[in-house]
Amino acid sequence: MGKQRQARLVLSVMGAIGLGLTALGCEPAESSAQPEPLRIAAATDLQRVLPALVEAYRSHDPDVVVTFGASGQLAEQIRKGAPFDVFMAANMKFVTDLEAEGAVERGSARPYARGSLVLAVHQAARGSVGSLADLTKPEVRKLAIANPRFAPYGAAARQALERSGSAEVLAPRLVIAESVRQAYIYVEQGDAEAALVSRSLIVDGGGLKVIEVDPGLYDPLIQGLGVVARSDKLDRARRFAEFVVGEGGRAILGEHGFHAPGDEGGSHGG
């Protein structure tokens, strides 16, 4: 066999091997697959602040994807194996419960912020409502709150109504939203005259009248996060969690109406 024929045969065999690898779904060594995004499951009260947190973190990890939902619903998804890496809930209990069950990495559950409840009033009723007591006026036909079963801000809203003595009167007027974000949309669009929502969702009033709710009327809204135990990106997840609870993350949270978890003083307006 001549040298030229041998060379052609070797090239032909190498080409066939390459085609075989391609058919099997193998990539050439020099073509590395894109890393999968870091997936964050986040409470809906974080819809304004989390994009700012992710943008500030982009130099450390450019590929972060966020899914928003009511904390209880997200916790149930994680319990059933949803492919999240970090869970940011609107209270600590959802995270610590998952940690106790082994669904959140032990030692990773920690508080990252303290939220506050406000009464948002649509312009149609702003002249009539100046406090929780005014919600019983006939001008307020609908009051939106998040579902207390799944949303910590919904539970806080229910506590505030009960402790202020207006829960029974207002029960027929309640509109139960899927999440605190949905409750905010109801009042923003005028589908409800008022809503009890997170302070963090409101930017410069947004055309709404915003009334602070006495923090003594509801249990402290200490928000917690944790690393999902079954994540295949544990190092990346831990780094993101460290950023959120660190100085940089806390500063951004503060700019969006949150307090440090142990901050008992100061205005709840944030």
Protein backbone atom coordinates (compact mmCIF):
# COMPACT_ATOMS: atom_id res chain seq x y z
CA MET A 1 0.00 0.00 0.00
CA GLY A 2 1.47 3.35 -1.05
CA LYS A 3 2.08 6.16 1.41
CA GLN A 4 -0.55 8.41 -0.21
CA ARG A 5 -3.17 5.66 -0.04
CA GLN A 6 -2.31 5.02 3.65
CA ALA A 7 -2.72 8.73 4.46
CA ARG A 8 -6.10 8.87 2.73
CA LEU A 9 -7.25 5.78 4.68
CA VAL A 10 -6.21 7.29 8.04
CA LEU A 11 -8.06 10.54 7.27
CA SER A 12 -11.12 8.57 6.20
CA VAL A 13 -11.16 6.56 9.45
CA MET A 14 -10.71 9.71 11.56
CA GLY A 15 -13.59 11.37 9.71
CA ALA A 16 -15.82 8.37 10.32
CA ILE A 17 -14.98 8.43 14.03
CA GLY A 18 -15.82 12.14 14.15
CA LEU A 19 -19.18 11.54 12.48
CA GLY A 20 -19.89 8.71 14.89
CA LEU A 21 -19.20 10.94 17.89
CA THR A 22 -21.45 13.64 16.48
CA ALA A 23 -24.26 11.12 15.97
CA LEU A 24 -23.87 10.05 19.61
CA GLY A 25 -24.23 13.66 20.76
CA CYS A 26 -20.58 14.09 21.76
CA GLU A 27 -18.97 17.49 21.39
CA PRO A 28 -15.37 18.09 20.28
CA ALA A 29 -13.05 18.64 23.24
CA GLU A 30 -12.52 22.31 22.41
CA SER A 31 -16.30 23.07 22.40
CA SER A 32 -17.38 23.26 26.05
CA ALA A 33 -21.09 23.45 26.91
CA GLN A 34 -22.49 26.62 28.44
CA PRO A 35 -22.87 26.38 32.23
CA GLU A 36 -26.43 26.08 33.46
CA PRO A 37 -27.91 29.19 35.09
CA LEU A 38 -28.13 29.58 38.84
CA ARG A 39 -31.84 29.28 39.61
CA ILE A 40 -33.38 31.38 42.37
CA ALA A 41 -36.87 30.74 43.76
CA ALA A 42 -38.03 34.05 45.24
CA ALA A 43 -41.05 35.47 47.04
CA THR A 44 -43.05 37.98 45.00
CA ASP A 45 -42.33 40.85 47.39
CA LEU A 46 -38.78 40.73 45.93
CA GLN A 47 -39.86 41.53 42.37
CA ARG A 48 -38.49 45.07 42.49
CA VAL A 49 -35.32 44.46 44.48
CA LEU A 50 -34.08 41.13 43.14
CA PRO A 51 -33.24 42.40 39.63
CA ALA A 52 -31.00 45.00 41.30
CA LEU A 53 -29.35 42.30 43.44
CA VAL A 54 -28.78 40.08 40.41
CA GLU A 55 -27.33 42.96 38.39
CA ALA A 56 -24.92 43.85 41.20
CA TYR A 57 -23.89 40.19 41.42
CA ARG A 58 -23.42 39.77 37.67
CA SER A 59 -19.65 40.23 37.81
CA HIS A 60 -19.46 37.15 40.08
CA ASP A 61 -21.96 35.03 38.15
CA PRO A 62 -23.43 36.35 34.89
CA ASP A 63 -26.09 33.68 34.50
CA VAL A 64 -28.79 33.91 37.18
CA VAL A 65 -32.46 33.09 36.54
CA VAL A 66 -35.26 34.04 38.96
CA THR A 67 -38.69 32.45 39.43
CA PHE A 68 -41.18 34.41 41.55
CA GLY A 69 -44.09 32.97 43.50
CA ALA A 70 -45.84 32.83 46.86
CA SER A 71 -43.37 31.50 49.44
CA GLY A 72 -45.53 28.54 50.44
CA GLN A 73 -46.05 27.44 46.87
CA LEU A 74 -42.34 27.70 46.09
CA ALA A 75 -41.52 25.72 49.24
CA GLU A 76 -43.85 22.96 48.10
CA GLN A 77 -42.22 22.90 44.66
CA ILE A 78 -38.78 22.56 46.26
CA ARG A 79 -40.10 19.81 48.51
CA LYS A 80 -41.21 17.94 45.38
CA GLY A 81 -37.83 18.32 43.65
CA ALA A 82 -38.09 21.50 41.58
CA PRO A 83 -34.64 22.34 40.15
CA PHE A 84 -33.88 25.48 42.17
CA ASP A 85 -30.52 26.32 43.74
CA VAL A 86 -31.44 29.08 46.24
CA PHE A 87 -34.74 29.75 48.01
CA MET A 88 -35.53 33.33 49.12
CA ALA A 89 -38.78 33.29 51.11
CA ALA A 90 -40.82 36.08 52.66
CA ASN A 91 -40.36 34.50 56.09
CA MET A 92 -37.91 32.21 57.86
CA LYS A 93 -40.30 29.38 58.67
CA PHE A 94 -40.69 28.11 55.12
CA VAL A 95 -36.89 27.87 54.84
CA THR A 96 -36.23 26.33 58.26
CA ASP A 97 -39.00 23.76 57.71
CA LEU A 98 -37.31 22.68 54.47
CA GLU A 99 -33.95 22.62 56.25
CA ALA A 100 -35.37 20.32 58.94
CA GLU A 101 -36.68 18.02 56.18
CA GLY A 102 -33.31 17.95 54.40
CA ALA A 103 -34.55 19.82 51.30
CA VAL A 104 -32.47 22.89 52.21
CA GLU A 105 -28.78 22.43 53.01
CA ARG A 106 -28.22 22.29 56.76
CA GLY A 107 -26.67 25.44 58.13
CA SER A 108 -27.58 27.53 55.09
CA ALA A 109 -30.94 28.88 56.36
CA ARG A 110 -30.55 32.45 57.59
CA PRO A 111 -32.43 35.75 57.68
CA TYR A 112 -31.63 38.35 55.04
CA ALA A 113 -34.18 41.16 55.63
CA ARG A 114 -37.08 42.45 57.70
CA GLY A 115 -40.12 43.46 55.67
CA SER A 116 -42.98 45.80 56.50
CA LEU A 117 -46.69 45.92 55.74
CA VAL A 118 -48.42 48.98 54.28
CA LEU A 119 -51.94 49.89 53.25
CA ALA A 120 -52.04 50.96 49.60
CA VAL A 121 -55.11 52.98 48.60
CA HIS A 122 -56.30 53.62 45.05
CA GLN A 123 -56.90 57.24 44.09
CA ALA A 124 -60.66 56.60 43.96
CA ALA A 125 -60.69 56.16 47.76
CA ARG A 126 -57.64 58.16 48.85
CA GLY A 127 -59.76 60.98 50.26
CA SER A 128 -61.72 58.60 52.47
CA VAL A 129 -59.00 56.30 53.82
CA GLY A 130 -56.28 57.44 56.20
CA SER A 131 -55.98 54.41 58.47
CA LEU A 132 -57.00 50.78 58.86
CA ALA A 133 -60.12 51.91 60.70
CA ASP A 134 -61.30 53.74 57.59
CA LEU A 135 -61.43 50.49 55.59
CA THR A 136 -64.89 49.91 57.02
CA LYS A 137 -66.25 52.96 55.19
CA PRO A 138 -68.65 52.27 52.32
CA GLU A 139 -66.19 53.78 49.82
CA VAL A 140 -64.03 50.69 50.28
CA ARG A 141 -65.90 47.93 48.50
CA LYS A 142 -62.91 45.61 48.02
CA LEU A 143 -59.75 45.07 50.05
CA ALA A 144 -57.07 42.86 48.51
CA ILE A 145 -54.69 40.70 50.54
CA ALA A 146 -52.43 37.83 49.59
CA ASN A 147 -53.56 34.31 50.41
CA PRO A 148 -52.59 33.85 54.10
CA ARG A 149 -52.10 30.13 53.53
CA PHE A 150 -49.15 30.59 51.17
CA ALA A 151 -48.01 34.22 51.50
CA PRO A 152 -46.42 35.61 54.68
CA TYR A 153 -47.67 39.11 53.81
CA GLY A 154 -51.17 37.69 53.54
CA ALA A 155 -50.80 36.18 57.02
CA ALA A 156 -49.53 39.54 58.31
CA ALA A 157 -52.49 41.33 56.69
CA ARG A 158 -54.93 38.96 58.36
CA GLN A 159 -53.23 39.51 61.73
CA ALA A 160 -53.42 43.30 61.29
CA LEU A 161 -57.14 43.15 60.53
CA GLU A 162 -57.84 40.83 63.46
CA ARG A 163 -55.77 42.83 65.95
CA SER A 164 -57.29 46.12 64.81
CA GLY A 165 -60.75 44.69 65.37
CA SER A 166 -61.97 45.11 61.78
CA ALA A 167 -61.61 41.55 60.46
CA GLU A 168 -65.27 40.56 60.89
CA VAL A 169 -66.65 43.68 59.24
CA LEU A 170 -64.23 43.47 56.33
CA ALA A 171 -64.54 39.71 55.69
CA PRO A 172 -67.20 40.14 52.93
CA ARG A 173 -65.02 42.72 51.15
CA LEU A 174 -61.81 40.70 51.06
CA VAL A 175 -60.31 39.76 47.71
CA ILE A 176 -57.80 36.93 48.21
CA ALA A 177 -54.92 37.20 45.75
CA GLU A 178 -52.53 34.40 44.84
CA SER A 179 -49.53 36.45 46.03
CA VAL A 180 -48.71 39.83 47.55
CA ARG A 181 -47.66 41.02 44.11
CA GLN A 182 -51.09 40.11 42.74
CA ALA A 183 -52.77 41.98 45.62
CA TYR A 184 -50.71 45.03 44.69
CA ILE A 185 -51.78 44.76 41.05
CA TYR A 186 -55.45 44.66 42.11
CA VAL A 187 -55.21 48.03 43.86
CA GLU A 188 -52.86 49.51 41.28
CA GLN A 189 -55.36 48.77 38.50
CA GLY A 190 -58.39 49.82 40.54
CA ASP A 191 -59.89 46.34 40.91
CA ALA A 192 -59.78 46.96 44.67
CA GLU A 193 -59.96 50.27 46.52
CA ALA A 194 -57.23 49.19 48.93
CA ALA A 195 -54.68 46.43 49.55
CA LEU A 196 -52.39 45.35 52.36
CA VAL A 197 -49.02 44.70 50.73
CA SER A 198 -45.26 44.76 51.15
CA ARG A 199 -43.60 48.17 51.34
CA SER A 200 -40.93 46.87 48.96
CA LEU A 201 -43.38 46.66 46.05
CA ILE A 202 -44.17 50.37 46.08
CA VAL A 203 -41.89 52.87 44.36
CA ASP A 204 -42.63 56.54 45.06
CA GLY A 205 -46.25 55.66 45.74
CA GLY A 206 -46.90 54.71 42.11
CA GLY A 207 -49.98 56.93 42.18
CA LEU A 208 -51.26 55.17 45.28
CA LYS A 209 -51.72 56.58 48.75
CA VAL A 210 -49.41 54.63 51.07
CA ILE A 211 -50.21 54.31 54.78
CA GLU A 212 -47.84 52.63 57.21
CA VAL A 213 -49.36 49.81 59.25
CA ASP A 214 -48.48 49.73 62.96
CA PRO A 215 -45.86 46.93 63.21
CA GLY A 216 -47.39 45.93 66.53
CA LEU A 217 -50.42 44.65 64.62
CA TYR A 218 -48.53 41.80 62.94
CA ASP A 219 -45.71 39.40 63.74
CA PRO A 220 -42.26 40.51 62.51
CA LEU A 221 -41.74 39.71 58.84
CA ILE A 222 -38.23 38.24 59.04
CA GLN A 223 -37.40 36.99 55.55
CA GLY A 224 -35.11 34.00 55.11
CA LEU A 225 -33.06 32.22 52.47
CA GLY A 226 -31.37 28.87 52.09
CA VAL A 227 -29.40 26.76 49.61
CA VAL A 228 -31.41 23.92 48.08
CA ALA A 229 -29.76 20.68 49.18
CA ARG A 230 -30.13 18.81 45.88
CA SER A 231 -28.62 21.65 43.83
CA ASP A 232 -25.80 20.59 41.53
CA LYS A 233 -24.35 24.12 41.79
CA LEU A 234 -23.81 24.28 45.54
CA ASP A 235 -20.71 26.48 45.44
CA ARG A 236 -22.39 29.05 43.21
CA ALA A 237 -25.54 28.95 45.33
CA ARG A 238 -23.58 29.51 48.54
CA ARG A 239 -21.71 32.46 47.01
CA PHE A 240 -24.96 34.11 45.94
CA ALA A 241 -26.46 33.62 49.41
CA GLU A 242 -23.35 35.16 50.99
CA PHE A 243 -23.67 38.18 48.72
CA VAL A 244 -27.32 38.75 49.65
CA VAL A 245 -26.66 38.70 53.41
CA GLY A 246 -23.41 40.64 53.05
CA GLU A 247 -22.86 44.38 53.10
CA GLY A 248 -23.53 44.90 49.39
CA GLY A 249 -26.75 42.91 49.38
CA ARG A 250 -28.06 44.53 52.55
CA ALA A 251 -27.43 48.01 51.10
CA ILE A 252 -29.51 47.21 48.00
CA LEU A 253 -32.28 45.67 50.11
CA GLY A 254 -32.31 48.82 52.25
CA GLU A 255 -32.77 50.99 49.18
CA HIS A 256 -35.93 49.04 48.36
CA GLY A 257 -37.75 49.34 51.68
CA PHE A 258 -36.25 46.49 53.70
CA HIS A 259 -34.57 46.66 57.09
CA ALA A 260 -31.80 44.48 58.47
CA PRO A 261 -33.35 41.38 60.13
CA GLY A 262 -32.51 42.54 63.67
CA ASP A 263 -33.54 46.16 63.15
CA GLU A 264 -36.38 46.78 65.57
CA GLY A 265 -36.18 50.55 65.51
CA GLY A 266 -36.62 53.23 62.91
CA SER A 267 -39.45 53.86 60.51
CA HIS A 268 -41.04 50.90 58.85
CA GLY A 269 -41.48 52.97 55.74
CA GLY A 270 -37.97 52.09 54.58
